[in-house]
Protein backbone atom coordinates (compact mmCIF):
# COMPACT_ATOMS: atom_id res chain seq x y z
CA MET A 1 -19.82 -93.93 23.81
CA VAL A 2 -16.76 -96.18 23.71
CA SER A 3 -16.70 -95.87 19.92
CA CYS A 4 -16.67 -92.06 20.14
CA ASN A 5 -13.77 -92.22 22.58
CA LYS A 6 -11.80 -94.43 20.18
CA LYS A 7 -12.56 -92.04 17.30
CA ARG A 8 -11.63 -89.08 19.48
CA LYS A 9 -8.25 -90.65 20.26
CA LYS A 10 -7.67 -91.12 16.50
CA LEU A 11 -8.56 -87.46 15.98
CA VAL A 12 -6.10 -86.05 18.54
CA ASP A 13 -3.14 -84.86 16.46
CA SER A 14 -2.30 -82.33 13.77
CA TRP A 15 -3.92 -82.79 10.34
CA LYS A 16 -2.97 -81.17 6.99
CA VAL A 17 -5.49 -80.50 4.21
CA THR A 18 -4.44 -82.40 1.08
CA GLU A 19 -7.54 -82.10 -1.09
CA VAL A 20 -10.56 -79.81 -1.45
CA GLU A 21 -13.51 -80.86 -3.59
CA ALA A 22 -16.01 -78.02 -4.08
CA LYS A 23 -19.72 -78.89 -4.21
CA ILE A 24 -20.72 -75.32 -5.01
CA PRO A 25 -18.91 -72.74 -7.14
CA MET A 26 -15.70 -71.76 -5.35
CA THR A 27 -12.99 -69.39 -6.50
CA ASP A 28 -9.50 -70.74 -7.02
CA SER A 29 -8.18 -68.30 -4.41
CA VAL A 30 -10.49 -69.72 -1.69
CA LYS A 31 -9.61 -73.29 -2.63
CA ASN A 32 -5.88 -72.49 -2.74
CA ASP A 33 -6.09 -70.72 0.63
CA ILE A 34 -7.58 -73.84 2.23
CA LEU A 35 -4.96 -76.07 0.57
CA GLU A 36 -2.02 -73.85 1.53
CA LYS A 37 -3.03 -72.91 5.09
CA GLY A 38 -5.32 -75.82 5.92
CA VAL A 39 -4.21 -77.45 9.16
CA LEU A 40 -6.23 -78.52 12.18
CA THR A 41 -4.77 -79.57 15.53
CA PHE A 42 -7.06 -81.41 17.95
CA THR A 43 -6.18 -81.89 21.61
CA ASP A 44 -7.33 -84.61 23.99
CA ASP A 45 -9.16 -82.06 26.15
CA GLY A 46 -11.52 -80.97 23.34
CA TYR A 47 -9.78 -77.94 21.83
CA VAL A 48 -8.99 -77.29 18.18
CA SER A 49 -6.85 -74.70 16.42
CA GLY A 50 -5.87 -74.14 12.82
CA HIS A 51 -7.38 -73.04 9.52
CA LEU A 52 -10.01 -74.35 7.11
CA GLU A 53 -12.35 -71.79 5.60
CA ARG A 54 -11.28 -69.49 8.45
CA ASP A 55 -8.92 -69.44 11.41
CA PHE A 56 -9.77 -71.35 14.58
CA ASN A 57 -7.75 -70.05 17.52
CA ASP A 58 -9.47 -71.15 20.72
CA GLY A 59 -12.11 -73.43 19.26
CA ILE A 60 -13.67 -76.54 20.70
CA TYR A 61 -14.78 -79.68 18.93
CA ILE A 62 -17.55 -82.17 19.52
CA LEU A 63 -17.53 -85.63 17.98
CA THR A 64 -20.91 -87.42 17.86
CA LYS A 65 -22.77 -90.18 16.01
CA LYS A 66 -19.99 -92.70 16.68
CA GLY A 67 -17.42 -90.42 15.08
CA ARG A 68 -19.46 -89.67 11.96
CA SER A 69 -20.27 -86.08 12.92
CA LEU A 70 -17.73 -83.42 13.87
CA THR A 71 -18.72 -79.93 14.99
CA ILE A 72 -16.07 -77.27 15.45
CA LYS A 73 -17.07 -74.14 17.36
CA ASP A 74 -14.89 -71.08 16.90
CA GLU A 75 -13.91 -68.76 19.73
CA THR A 76 -17.26 -66.93 19.43
CA GLY A 77 -19.25 -70.18 19.61
CA THR A 78 -20.24 -70.28 15.92
CA PRO A 79 -20.63 -73.95 14.95
CA PHE A 80 -19.21 -75.50 11.79
CA SER A 81 -20.61 -79.00 11.32
CA TYR A 82 -19.19 -81.74 9.12
CA GLU A 83 -19.97 -85.31 8.29
CA SER A 84 -16.73 -87.02 9.26
CA THR A 85 -14.83 -90.15 8.36
CA ILE A 86 -11.85 -90.67 10.64
CA GLU A 87 -9.23 -93.34 10.04
CA SER A 88 -5.84 -93.75 11.69
CA ASP A 89 -4.04 -91.37 9.30
CA LYS A 90 -6.78 -89.91 7.09
CA MET A 91 -9.85 -87.79 7.78
CA ILE A 92 -12.60 -86.60 5.45
CA LEU A 93 -14.80 -83.68 6.45
CA GLU A 94 -17.85 -82.95 4.35
CA ASP A 95 -20.56 -80.30 4.44
CA GLU A 96 -22.94 -78.94 1.81
CA ASP A 97 -20.21 -76.70 0.33
CA MET A 98 -17.20 -78.99 0.07
CA LYS A 99 -15.42 -82.21 0.87
CA ILE A 100 -12.02 -81.82 2.55
CA THR A 101 -9.43 -84.57 2.89
CA LEU A 102 -6.79 -84.27 5.60
CA LEU A 103 -3.79 -86.46 6.46
CA LYS A 104 -1.96 -86.63 9.78
CA ASN A 105 1.13 -84.44 9.84
């Protein structure tokens, strides 16, 4: 649990998408949309806002597996789960569709 808290503290900030690696066919417009608008802001009290494949306005996030799993739930409760690697200024989110690299703003 202590490890998750340390990872959570590293996560709290604003992150900008810098790279999108598609694992399945993806149109250039979708990829460019994620690169241009892709920002996530995580708060210490468990909320997230921003844009990846869609907008997150009043979402929540859950960090598990010692920081290796991040689930973002949108305002309707729909979960988006990623394998996560969180460092002090770099984060990688990966699911079956893509691998997204983000840097702290």
